[in-house]
């Protein structure tokens, strides 16, 4: 008879892997409260909340936060609209090239960010579009659509089509069926997809580097700060903010889509 409990060796390996992955993040969190104004000295001489007020008093930090929030919000809305429509179109209908369309939808998230960034920059130059807010939003929406699509198509596959047929048999039109049957079933999948898309857009840097022009999102601001050692405490505070803003939606999306691992296209 085999025990369902994992051995101590496996538990130690699992915890060791977690520590290895998250130790650098814990260091950033620790030094965001460090009283030292420059460099990394371990252990910290003291803890303070003073760097938070310094960070949020800087105009460049606030501008970068506002721009990142704006880009992530617009890109998420576009992704939710296009991703949901694409999932609905590919759910039950068979047509020539359906698998190719599915592959093309998923491809942007599978490609290296530098390839996507170069391709988008070339396309924008071809059509004479100057890099700025619009190009950043378009760049982020290309891979955010995949996140929403994966979540919505997985929920569609777990939804019984009999509910839709019953609704229409009882006299409901297409809009009523969508509003009272389809949308409630898609609610948590849409929310999870939107939260994941927002988190992915908020901390995206590779594609943004090619499409931003002179605009500075928060990740680009952080990258530029690496050459300014005097601003290390402020950089740590902003880095911690980015991690929190992206971590919370990801955790929320995980719990909303929990239990869907066995469905193809669940995006897990």
C-alpha atoms as a PDB file:
ATOM      1  CA  UNK A   1       0.000   0.000   0.000  1.00  0.00           C
ATOM      2  CA  UNK A   2       1.440   3.320  -1.126  1.00  0.00           C
ATOM      3  CA  UNK A   3       1.234   6.404   1.078  1.00  0.00           C
ATOM      4  CA  UNK A   4      -0.334   9.533  -0.423  1.00  0.00           C
ATOM      5  CA  UNK A   5       2.060  11.686   1.626  1.00  0.00           C
ATOM      6  CA  UNK A   6       5.142  12.969  -0.203  1.00  0.00           C
ATOM      7  CA  UNK A   7       8.503  11.965   1.181  1.00  0.00           C
ATOM      8  CA  UNK A   8      10.608  14.439   3.147  1.00  0.00           C
ATOM      9  CA  UNK A   9      13.072  14.540   0.265  1.00  0.00           C
ATOM     10  CA  UNK A  10      10.399  15.653  -2.198  1.00  0.00           C
ATOM     11  CA  UNK A  11       9.060  18.224   0.255  1.00  0.00           C
ATOM     12  CA  UNK A  12      12.564  19.613   0.817  1.00  0.00           C
ATOM     13  CA  UNK A  13      13.144  19.779  -2.940  1.00  0.00           C
ATOM     14  CA  UNK A  14       9.845  21.607  -3.468  1.00  0.00           C
ATOM     15  CA  UNK A  15      10.571  24.155  -0.750  1.00  0.00           C
ATOM     16  CA  UNK A  16      14.119  24.543  -2.030  1.00  0.00           C
ATOM     17  CA  UNK A  17      12.791  25.337  -5.494  1.00  0.00           C
ATOM     18  CA  UNK A  18      10.381  27.919  -4.074  1.00  0.00           C
ATOM     19  CA  UNK A  19      13.147  29.607  -2.072  1.00  0.00           C
ATOM     20  CA  UNK A  20      15.423  29.633  -5.124  1.00  0.00           C
ATOM     21  CA  UNK A  21      12.717  31.276  -7.261  1.00  0.00           C
ATOM     22  CA  UNK A  22      11.496  33.830  -4.741  1.00  0.00           C
ATOM     23  CA  UNK A  23      14.615  34.752  -2.767  1.00  0.00           C
ATOM     24  CA  UNK A  24      15.551  37.624  -5.152  1.00  0.00           C
ATOM     25  CA  UNK A  25      12.015  39.008  -4.807  1.00  0.00           C
ATOM     26  CA  UNK A  26      12.277  38.901  -1.021  1.00  0.00           C
ATOM     27  CA  UNK A  27      15.567  40.816  -1.239  1.00  0.00           C
ATOM     28  CA  UNK A  28      13.871  43.561  -3.271  1.00  0.00           C
ATOM     29  CA  UNK A  29      11.059  43.751  -0.704  1.00  0.00           C
ATOM     30  CA  UNK A  30      13.582  43.969   2.142  1.00  0.00           C
ATOM     31  CA  UNK A  31      15.689  46.716   0.580  1.00  0.00           C
ATOM     32  CA  UNK A  32      12.607  48.799  -0.243  1.00  0.00           C
ATOM     33  CA  UNK A  33      12.514  49.509   3.518  1.00  0.00           C
ATOM     34  CA  UNK A  34      16.279  49.903   3.994  1.00  0.00           C
ATOM     35  CA  UNK A  35      17.449  53.093   5.710  1.00  0.00           C
ATOM     36  CA  UNK A  36      20.658  53.125   3.633  1.00  0.00           C
ATOM     37  CA  UNK A  37      20.433  55.569   0.726  1.00  0.00           C
ATOM     38  CA  UNK A  38      22.885  53.867  -1.636  1.00  0.00           C
ATOM     39  CA  UNK A  39      24.097  50.373  -2.401  1.00  0.00           C
ATOM     40  CA  UNK A  40      23.207  47.026  -0.834  1.00  0.00           C
ATOM     41  CA  UNK A  41      24.602  46.369   2.614  1.00  0.00           C
ATOM     42  CA  UNK A  42      23.568  43.195   4.388  1.00  0.00           C
ATOM     43  CA  UNK A  43      22.078  43.064   6.886  1.00  0.00           C
ATOM     44  CA  UNK A  44      20.203  46.403   6.525  1.00  0.00           C
ATOM     45  CA  UNK A  45      21.120  48.944   9.184  1.00  0.00           C
ATOM     46  CA  UNK A  46      17.458  49.735   9.798  1.00  0.00           C
ATOM     47  CA  UNK A  47      13.954  49.807   8.317  1.00  0.00           C
ATOM     48  CA  UNK A  48      11.969  52.842   7.192  1.00  0.00           C
ATOM     49  CA  UNK A  49       8.871  53.771   5.176  1.00  0.00           C
ATOM     50  CA  UNK A  50      10.454  57.037   4.069  1.00  0.00           C
ATOM     51  CA  UNK A  51      11.365  55.875   0.572  1.00  0.00           C
ATOM     52  CA  UNK A  52       7.688  55.364  -0.299  1.00  0.00           C
ATOM     53  CA  UNK A  53       6.925  59.054   0.183  1.00  0.00           C
ATOM     54  CA  UNK A  54      10.061  59.951  -1.790  1.00  0.00           C
ATOM     55  CA  UNK A  55       9.047  57.664  -4.667  1.00  0.00           C
ATOM     56  CA  UNK A  56       5.463  58.910  -4.911  1.00  0.00           C
ATOM     57  CA  UNK A  57       6.591  62.534  -4.695  1.00  0.00           C
ATOM     58  CA  UNK A  58       8.569  62.189  -7.927  1.00  0.00           C
ATOM     59  CA  UNK A  59       6.779  63.320 -11.072  1.00  0.00           C
ATOM     60  CA  UNK A  60       8.598  60.835 -13.339  1.00  0.00           C
ATOM     61  CA  UNK A  61       7.446  57.901 -11.200  1.00  0.00           C
ATOM     62  CA  UNK A  62       3.821  59.048 -11.177  1.00  0.00           C
ATOM     63  CA  UNK A  63       3.842  59.668 -14.937  1.00  0.00           C
ATOM     64  CA  UNK A  64       5.228  56.186 -15.565  1.00  0.00           C
ATOM     65  CA  UNK A  65       2.600  54.605 -13.267  1.00  0.00           C
ATOM     66  CA  UNK A  66      -0.259  56.487 -14.947  1.00  0.00           C
ATOM     67  CA  UNK A  67       0.986  55.541 -18.428  1.00  0.00           C
ATOM     68  CA  UNK A  68       1.350  51.861 -17.507  1.00  0.00           C
ATOM     69  CA  UNK A  69      -2.132  51.772 -15.962  1.00  0.00           C
ATOM     70  CA  UNK A  70      -3.612  53.483 -19.015  1.00  0.00           C
ATOM     71  CA  UNK A  71      -1.898  51.130 -21.474  1.00  0.00           C
ATOM     72  CA  UNK A  72      -2.778  48.007 -19.468  1.00  0.00           C
ATOM     73  CA  UNK A  73      -6.436  49.049 -19.117  1.00  0.00           C
ATOM     74  CA  UNK A  74      -6.944  49.831 -22.821  1.00  0.00           C
ATOM     75  CA  UNK A  75      -5.046  46.727 -23.973  1.00  0.00           C
ATOM     76  CA  UNK A  76      -7.093  44.562 -21.591  1.00  0.00           C
ATOM     77  CA  UNK A  77     -10.410  45.942 -22.888  1.00  0.00           C
ATOM     78  CA  UNK A  78      -9.352  45.320 -26.497  1.00  0.00           C
ATOM     79  CA  UNK A  79      -8.153  41.822 -25.609  1.00  0.00           C
ATOM     80  CA  UNK A  80     -11.390  40.967 -23.807  1.00  0.00           C
ATOM     81  CA  UNK A  81     -13.468  42.053 -26.799  1.00  0.00           C
ATOM     82  CA  UNK A  82     -11.388  40.393 -29.519  1.00  0.00           C
ATOM     83  CA  UNK A  83     -10.524  37.316 -27.468  1.00  0.00           C
ATOM     84  CA  UNK A  84     -14.163  36.642 -26.570  1.00  0.00           C
ATOM     85  CA  UNK A  85     -15.352  37.107 -30.161  1.00  0.00           C
ATOM     86  CA  UNK A  86     -12.599  34.820 -31.459  1.00  0.00           C
ATOM     87  CA  UNK A  87     -13.455  32.133 -28.889  1.00  0.00           C
ATOM     88  CA  UNK A  88     -17.164  32.337 -29.774  1.00  0.00           C
ATOM     89  CA  UNK A  89     -16.376  32.043 -33.487  1.00  0.00           C
ATOM     90  CA  UNK A  90     -14.147  28.984 -33.018  1.00  0.00           C
ATOM     91  CA  UNK A  91     -16.185  27.224 -30.342  1.00  0.00           C
ATOM     92  CA  UNK A  92     -18.606  24.957 -32.237  1.00  0.00           C
ATOM     93  CA  UNK A  93     -18.322  25.908 -35.885  1.00  0.00           C
ATOM     94  CA  UNK A  94     -16.116  23.910 -38.249  1.00  0.00           C
ATOM     95  CA  UNK A  95     -14.736  25.647 -41.313  1.00  0.00           C
ATOM     96  CA  UNK A  96     -11.752  25.445 -43.608  1.00  0.00           C
ATOM     97  CA  UNK A  97      -8.620  26.746 -41.882  1.00  0.00           C
ATOM     98  CA  UNK A  98     -10.058  26.658 -38.356  1.00  0.00           C
ATOM     99  CA  UNK A  99      -6.930  25.057 -36.881  1.00  0.00           C
ATOM    100  CA  UNK A 100      -4.737  27.581 -38.681  1.00  0.00           C
ATOM    101  CA  UNK A 101      -6.756  30.443 -37.217  1.00  0.00           C
ATOM    102  CA  UNK A 102      -6.411  28.917 -33.735  1.00  0.00           C
ATOM    103  CA  UNK A 103      -2.645  28.606 -34.224  1.00  0.00           C
ATOM    104  CA  UNK A 104      -2.332  32.215 -35.406  1.00  0.00           C
ATOM    105  CA  UNK A 105      -4.274  33.415 -32.366  1.00  0.00           C
ATOM    106  CA  UNK A 106      -1.957  31.598 -29.956  1.00  0.00           C
ATOM    107  CA  UNK A 107       1.273  32.347 -31.862  1.00  0.00           C
ATOM    108  CA  UNK A 108       1.989  35.845 -30.403  1.00  0.00           C
ATOM    109  CA  UNK A 109       2.332  34.465 -26.855  1.00  0.00           C
ATOM    110  CA  UNK A 110       4.623  31.661 -28.085  1.00  0.00           C
ATOM    111  CA  UNK A 111       6.974  33.909 -30.058  1.00  0.00           C
ATOM    112  CA  UNK A 112       9.938  35.531 -28.279  1.00  0.00           C
ATOM    113  CA  UNK A 113       9.106  39.089 -27.274  1.00  0.00           C
ATOM    114  CA  UNK A 114      11.985  40.493 -29.306  1.00  0.00           C
ATOM    115  CA  UNK A 115      10.577  38.906 -32.490  1.00  0.00           C
ATOM    116  CA  UNK A 116       7.127  40.348 -31.809  1.00  0.00           C
ATOM    117  CA  UNK A 117       8.628  43.749 -31.013  1.00  0.00           C
ATOM    118  CA  UNK A 118      10.715  43.905 -34.215  1.00  0.00           C
ATOM    119  CA  UNK A 119       7.748  42.727 -36.315  1.00  0.00           C
ATOM    120  CA  UNK A 120       5.439  45.361 -34.820  1.00  0.00           C
ATOM    121  CA  UNK A 121       8.019  48.129 -35.222  1.00  0.00           C
ATOM    122  CA  UNK A 122       8.531  47.189 -38.881  1.00  0.00           C
ATOM    123  CA  UNK A 123       4.773  47.172 -39.466  1.00  0.00           C
ATOM    124  CA  UNK A 124       4.333  50.580 -37.827  1.00  0.00           C
ATOM    125  CA  UNK A 125       7.153  52.065 -39.913  1.00  0.00           C
ATOM    126  CA  UNK A 126       5.649  50.588 -43.072  1.00  0.00           C
ATOM    127  CA  UNK A 127       2.333  52.342 -42.418  1.00  0.00           C
ATOM    128  CA  UNK A 128       3.995  55.531 -41.180  1.00  0.00           C
ATOM    129  CA  UNK A 129       2.710  55.231 -37.595  1.00  0.00           C
ATOM    130  CA  UNK A 130       4.862  57.051 -35.061  1.00  0.00           C
ATOM    131  CA  UNK A 131       5.686  55.106 -31.872  1.00  0.00           C
ATOM    132  CA  UNK A 132       3.672  56.278 -28.872  1.00  0.00           C
ATOM    133  CA  UNK A 133       0.682  55.362 -26.738  1.00  0.00           C
ATOM    134  CA  UNK A 134      -1.231  53.845 -29.674  1.00  0.00           C
ATOM    135  CA  UNK A 135       1.618  51.575 -30.737  1.00  0.00           C
ATOM    136  CA  UNK A 136       2.225  50.395 -27.164  1.00  0.00           C
ATOM    137  CA  UNK A 137      -1.459  49.505 -26.768  1.00  0.00           C
ATOM    138  CA  UNK A 138      -1.528  47.631 -30.085  1.00  0.00           C
ATOM    139  CA  UNK A 139       1.657  45.759 -29.165  1.00  0.00           C
ATOM    140  CA  UNK A 140       0.312  44.704 -25.776  1.00  0.00           C
ATOM    141  CA  UNK A 141      -3.099  43.758 -27.174  1.00  0.00           C
ATOM    142  CA  UNK A 142      -1.499  41.284 -29.606  1.00  0.00           C
ATOM    143  CA  UNK A 143      -0.446  38.950 -26.807  1.00  0.00           C
ATOM    144  CA  UNK A 144      -3.174  39.846 -24.302  1.00  0.00           C
ATOM    145  CA  UNK A 145      -5.805  38.571 -26.769  1.00  0.00           C
ATOM    146  CA  UNK A 146      -4.292  35.095 -26.392  1.00  0.00           C
ATOM    147  CA  UNK A 147      -4.764  35.123 -22.609  1.00  0.00           C
ATOM    148  CA  UNK A 148      -8.440  36.044 -22.835  1.00  0.00           C
ATOM    149  CA  UNK A 149      -9.047  33.662 -25.734  1.00  0.00           C
ATOM    150  CA  UNK A 150      -7.574  30.692 -23.846  1.00  0.00           C
ATOM    151  CA  UNK A 151      -9.729  31.332 -20.777  1.00  0.00           C
ATOM    152  CA  UNK A 152     -12.960  31.950 -22.698  1.00  0.00           C
ATOM    153  CA  UNK A 153     -12.600  29.001 -25.109  1.00  0.00           C
ATOM    154  CA  UNK A 154     -11.967  26.719 -22.125  1.00  0.00           C
ATOM    155  CA  UNK A 155     -15.160  27.955 -20.443  1.00  0.00           C
ATOM    156  CA  UNK A 156     -17.123  27.539 -23.677  1.00  0.00           C
ATOM    157  CA  UNK A 157     -15.977  23.913 -23.838  1.00  0.00           C
ATOM    158  CA  UNK A 158     -17.247  23.338 -20.301  1.00  0.00           C
ATOM    159  CA  UNK A 159     -20.608  24.961 -21.086  1.00  0.00           C
ATOM    160  CA  UNK A 160     -23.422  22.658 -22.143  1.00  0.00           C
ATOM    161  CA  UNK A 161     -24.864  23.706 -25.495  1.00  0.00           C
ATOM    162  CA  UNK A 162     -28.192  22.328 -24.308  1.00  0.00           C
ATOM    163  CA  UNK A 163     -28.620  25.458 -22.182  1.00  0.00           C
ATOM    164  CA  UNK A 164     -28.429  27.661 -25.262  1.00  0.00           C
ATOM    165  CA  UNK A 165     -30.773  25.432 -27.237  1.00  0.00           C
ATOM    166  CA  UNK A 166     -33.262  25.381 -24.349  1.00  0.00           C
ATOM    167  CA  UNK A 167     -33.169  29.163 -24.125  1.00  0.00           C
ATOM    168  CA  UNK A 168     -33.903  29.599 -27.813  1.00  0.00           C
ATOM    169  CA  UNK A 169     -36.603  26.891 -27.732  1.00  0.00           C
ATOM    170  CA  UNK A 170     -38.336  28.897 -24.997  1.00  0.00           C
ATOM    171  CA  UNK A 171     -38.503  31.945 -27.248  1.00  0.00           C
ATOM    172  CA  UNK A 172     -35.407  33.916 -26.286  1.00  0.00           C
ATOM    173  CA  UNK A 173     -33.687  35.781 -29.110  1.00  0.00           C
ATOM    174  CA  UNK A 174     -29.926  35.823 -29.638  1.00  0.00           C
ATOM    175  CA  UNK A 175     -29.302  38.859 -27.402  1.00  0.00           C
ATOM    176  CA  UNK A 176     -31.401  37.471 -24.545  1.00  0.00           C
ATOM    177  CA  UNK A 177     -29.649  34.107 -24.772  1.00  0.00           C
ATOM    178  CA  UNK A 178     -26.280  35.831 -24.687  1.00  0.00           C
ATOM    179  CA  UNK A 179     -27.255  38.086 -21.764  1.00  0.00           C
ATOM    180  CA  UNK A 180     -28.947  35.522 -19.521  1.00  0.00           C
ATOM    181  CA  UNK A 181     -27.212  32.245 -20.460  1.00  0.00           C
ATOM    182  CA  UNK A 182     -23.843  32.773 -22.150  1.00  0.00           C
ATOM    183  CA  UNK A 183     -22.542  35.842 -20.317  1.00  0.00           C
ATOM    184  CA  UNK A 184     -23.182  34.534 -16.760  1.00  0.00           C
ATOM    185  CA  UNK A 185     -21.338  31.334 -17.676  1.00  0.00           C
ATOM    186  CA  UNK A 186     -18.416  33.323 -19.066  1.00  0.00           C
ATOM    187  CA  UNK A 187     -18.260  35.807 -16.188  1.00  0.00           C
ATOM    188  CA  UNK A 188     -15.442  34.341 -14.128  1.00  0.00           C
ATOM    189  CA  UNK A 189     -13.455  33.291 -17.237  1.00  0.00           C
ATOM    190  CA  UNK A 190     -13.669  36.830 -18.622  1.00  0.00           C
ATOM    191  CA  UNK A 191     -12.659  38.295 -15.281  1.00  0.00           C
ATOM    192  CA  UNK A 192      -9.727  35.889 -14.940  1.00  0.00           C
ATOM    193  CA  UNK A 193      -8.599  36.501 -18.521  1.00  0.00           C
ATOM    194  CA  UNK A 194      -8.848  40.257 -18.043  1.00  0.00           C
ATOM    195  CA  UNK A 195      -6.865  40.148 -14.802  1.00  0.00           C
ATOM    196  CA  UNK A 196      -4.120  38.042 -16.374  1.00  0.00           C
ATOM    197  CA  UNK A 197      -4.010  40.286 -19.456  1.00  0.00           C
ATOM    198  CA  UNK A 198      -3.747  43.391 -17.253  1.00  0.00           C
ATOM    199  CA  UNK A 199      -0.902  41.893 -15.221  1.00  0.00           C
ATOM    200  CA  UNK A 200       0.940  40.779 -18.352  1.00  0.00           C
ATOM    201  CA  UNK A 201       0.577  44.202 -19.972  1.00  0.00           C
ATOM    202  CA  UNK A 202       1.511  46.162 -16.858  1.00  0.00           C
ATOM    203  CA  UNK A 203       4.977  44.626 -16.528  1.00  0.00           C
ATOM    204  CA  UNK A 204       5.767  44.019 -20.213  1.00  0.00           C
ATOM    205  CA  UNK A 205       9.117  45.492 -21.254  1.00  0.00           C
ATOM    206  CA  UNK A 206      10.521  43.740 -24.352  1.00  0.00           C
ATOM    207  CA  UNK A 207       7.711  44.547 -26.794  1.00  0.00           C
ATOM    208  CA  UNK A 208       7.286  47.946 -25.141  1.00  0.00           C
ATOM    209  CA  UNK A 209      10.932  48.819 -25.793  1.00  0.00           C
ATOM    210  CA  UNK A 210      10.352  48.527 -29.551  1.00  0.00           C
ATOM    211  CA  UNK A 211       6.965  50.255 -29.646  1.00  0.00           C
ATOM    212  CA  UNK A 212       7.174  52.985 -27.001  1.00  0.00           C
ATOM    213  CA  UNK A 213       9.185  55.652 -28.821  1.00  0.00           C
ATOM    214  CA  UNK A 214       9.762  58.412 -26.274  1.00  0.00           C
ATOM    215  CA  UNK A 215       7.073  57.158 -23.892  1.00  0.00           C
ATOM    216  CA  UNK A 216       8.214  55.635 -20.591  1.00  0.00           C
ATOM    217  CA  UNK A 217       6.084  52.959 -18.988  1.00  0.00           C
ATOM    218  CA  UNK A 218       6.942  51.779 -15.485  1.00  0.00           C
ATOM    219  CA  UNK A 219       9.073  48.786 -16.606  1.00  0.00           C
ATOM    220  CA  UNK A 220      11.066  51.042 -18.968  1.00  0.00           C
ATOM    221  CA  UNK A 221      11.529  53.549 -16.153  1.00  0.00           C
ATOM    222  CA  UNK A 222      12.889  50.734 -13.967  1.00  0.00           C
ATOM    223  CA  UNK A 223      15.277  49.625 -16.724  1.00  0.00           C
ATOM    224  CA  UNK A 224      16.633  53.164 -17.056  1.00  0.00           C
ATOM    225  CA  UNK A 225      17.115  53.356 -13.285  1.00  0.00           C
ATOM    226  CA  UNK A 226      19.703  50.555 -13.345  1.00  0.00           C
ATOM    227  CA  UNK A 227      22.316  53.108 -14.416  1.00  0.00           C
ATOM    228  CA  UNK A 228      21.518  55.399 -11.456  1.00  0.00           C
ATOM    229  CA  UNK A 229      22.873  53.819  -8.245  1.00  0.00           C
ATOM    230  CA  UNK A 230      21.864  56.827  -6.130  1.00  0.00           C
ATOM    231  CA  UNK A 231      18.198  56.021  -6.774  1.00  0.00           C
ATOM    232  CA  UNK A 232      18.441  52.389  -5.629  1.00  0.00           C
ATOM    233  CA  UNK A 233      15.951  52.725  -2.698  1.00  0.00           C
ATOM    234  CA  UNK A 234      13.362  54.455  -4.892  1.00  0.00           C
ATOM    235  CA  UNK A 235      13.903  51.830  -7.605  1.00  0.00           C
ATOM    236  CA  UNK A 236      13.307  49.062  -5.061  1.00  0.00           C
ATOM    237  CA  UNK A 237      10.054  50.672  -3.922  1.00  0.00           C
ATOM    238  CA  UNK A 238       8.774  50.948  -7.499  1.00  0.00           C
ATOM    239  CA  UNK A 239       9.909  47.381  -8.296  1.00  0.00           C
ATOM    240  CA  UNK A 240       7.963  46.135  -5.274  1.00  0.00           C
ATOM    241  CA  UNK A 241       4.893  48.025  -6.501  1.00  0.00           C
ATOM    242  CA  UNK A 242       5.169  46.391  -9.938  1.00  0.00           C
ATOM    243  CA  UNK A 243       5.447  42.928  -8.383  1.00  0.00           C
ATOM    244  CA  UNK A 244       2.406  43.499  -6.166  1.00  0.00           C
ATOM    245  CA  UNK A 245       0.288  44.930  -8.986  1.00  0.00           C
ATOM    246  CA  UNK A 246       1.070  41.936 -11.211  1.00  0.00           C
ATOM    247  CA  UNK A 247       1.027  39.246  -8.516  1.00  0.00           C
ATOM    248  CA  UNK A 248      -2.440  39.976  -7.105  1.00  0.00           C
ATOM    249  CA  UNK A 249      -4.328  39.690 -10.437  1.00  0.00           C
ATOM    250  CA  UNK A 250      -2.456  36.475 -11.259  1.00  0.00           C
ATOM    251  CA  UNK A 251      -3.419  34.926  -7.916  1.00  0.00           C
ATOM    252  CA  UNK A 252      -7.009  36.056  -8.370  1.00  0.00           C
ATOM    253  CA  UNK A 253      -7.147  34.603 -11.875  1.00  0.00           C
ATOM    254  CA  UNK A 254      -5.699  31.329 -10.610  1.00  0.00           C
ATOM    255  CA  UNK A 255      -8.486  30.899  -8.052  1.00  0.00           C
ATOM    256  CA  UNK A 256     -11.162  31.930 -10.543  1.00  0.00           C
ATOM    257  CA  UNK A 257     -10.043  29.301 -13.089  1.00  0.00           C
ATOM    258  CA  UNK A 258      -9.108  26.628 -10.568  1.00  0.00           C
ATOM    259  CA  UNK A 259     -10.256  23.186 -11.630  1.00  0.00           C
ATOM    260  CA  UNK A 260     -10.005  23.777 -15.374  1.00  0.00           C
ATOM    261  CA  UNK A 261      -6.664  22.090 -15.951  1.00  0.00           C
ATOM    262  CA  UNK A 262      -8.199  19.163 -17.754  1.00  0.00           C
ATOM    263  CA  UNK A 263      -9.806  21.253 -20.479  1.00  0.00           C
ATOM    264  CA  UNK A 264      -7.839  21.809 -23.653  1.00  0.00           C
ATOM    265  CA  UNK A 265      -7.130  25.488 -24.130  1.00  0.00           C
ATOM    266  CA  UNK A 266      -7.530  26.310 -20.468  1.00  0.00           C
ATOM    267  CA  UNK A 267      -4.366  28.383 -20.594  1.00  0.00           C
ATOM    268  CA  UNK A 268      -2.909  26.925 -17.410  1.00  0.00           C
END
